[in-house]
Protein backbone atom coordinates (compact mmCIF):
# COMPACT_ATOMS: atom_id res chain seq x y z
CA MET A 1 100.88 -17.89 155.88
CA LYS A 2 99.40 -16.25 152.76
CA GLU A 3 95.90 -17.01 154.03
CA LEU A 4 96.72 -15.42 157.38
CA ARG A 5 98.10 -12.29 155.71
CA GLY A 6 95.06 -12.15 153.45
CA LYS A 7 92.72 -12.41 156.44
CA LEU A 8 94.72 -9.76 158.29
CA GLU A 9 94.44 -7.37 155.33
CA GLU A 10 90.71 -8.07 155.10
CA LEU A 11 90.23 -7.31 158.78
CA ARG A 12 92.35 -4.16 158.50
CA GLY A 13 90.15 -2.98 155.63
CA GLU A 14 86.98 -3.66 157.61
CA LEU A 15 88.39 -1.76 160.59
CA GLU A 16 89.32 1.25 158.44
CA SER A 17 85.88 1.22 156.80
CA PHE A 18 84.17 1.01 160.19
CA SER A 19 86.32 3.81 161.58
CA THR A 20 85.56 6.07 158.63
CA GLY A 21 81.83 5.38 159.00
CA VAL A 22 81.85 6.11 162.71
CA VAL A 23 83.73 9.38 162.28
CA SER A 24 81.34 10.52 159.55
CA ARG A 25 78.38 9.88 161.88
CA VAL A 26 79.94 11.32 165.03
CA LYS A 27 81.08 14.66 163.57
CA PRO A 28 77.56 15.99 162.85
CA VAL A 29 76.29 14.80 166.22
CA ARG A 30 79.20 16.52 167.95
CA GLY A 31 78.40 19.75 166.12
CA GLU A 32 74.76 19.54 167.20
CA ILE A 33 75.78 18.94 170.80
CA GLU A 34 78.11 21.95 170.74
CA THR A 35 75.30 24.09 169.33
CA LEU A 36 72.87 22.93 172.01
CA THR A 37 75.49 23.48 174.70
CA GLY A 38 75.93 27.07 173.53
CA LYS A 39 72.17 27.64 173.64
CA LEU A 40 71.97 26.14 177.13
CA GLU A 41 74.81 28.31 178.41
CA SER A 42 73.08 31.36 176.95
CA ALA A 43 69.77 30.46 178.59
CA LEU A 44 71.45 29.89 181.95
CA ALA A 45 73.27 33.21 181.69
CA THR A 46 69.93 34.92 181.08
CA LEU A 47 68.31 33.23 184.08
CA ARG A 48 71.19 33.71 186.48
CA PRO A 49 70.41 37.31 187.52
CA GLU A 50 66.81 36.36 188.29
CA VAL A 51 67.87 33.34 190.33
CA GLU A 52 70.46 35.37 192.23
CA LYS A 53 67.84 38.03 192.99
CA VAL A 54 65.39 35.44 194.37
CA GLY A 55 68.20 33.76 196.29
CA GLY A 56 69.17 37.08 197.85
CA MET A 57 65.56 37.79 198.85
CA LEU A 58 65.24 34.35 200.43
CA SER A 59 68.51 34.81 202.26
CA ASP A 60 67.33 38.15 203.64
CA LYS A 61 64.04 36.58 204.73
CA ILE A 62 65.87 33.73 206.48
CA ASP A 63 68.14 36.23 208.26
CA SER A 64 65.09 38.23 209.34
CA LEU A 65 63.29 35.17 210.67
CA ASP A 66 66.47 34.03 212.42
CA ALA A 67 66.69 37.43 214.14
CA GLU A 68 63.04 37.20 215.24
CA LEU A 69 63.61 33.72 216.64
CA ALA A 70 66.68 34.95 218.52
CA LYS A 71 64.50 37.60 220.19
CA LEU A 72 62.03 34.93 221.37
CA GLU A 73 64.69 32.82 223.08
CA PRO A 74 64.87 33.27 226.84
């Protein structure tokens, strides 16, 4: 029974050590991801007006062509 308890304590220690190591590695990576996410959101916000403008122009062109096609139908 003492051997089993000793092994259990050893495994518990290894688990705690592993957990601490993982957390110390994950925190900086998480911070970098959050920083990159912020930069990406900013870039998308900058591009959005341009994309909406082009989308509106294409929509107008499609509507115009649709109207022309409607005139050609018998």
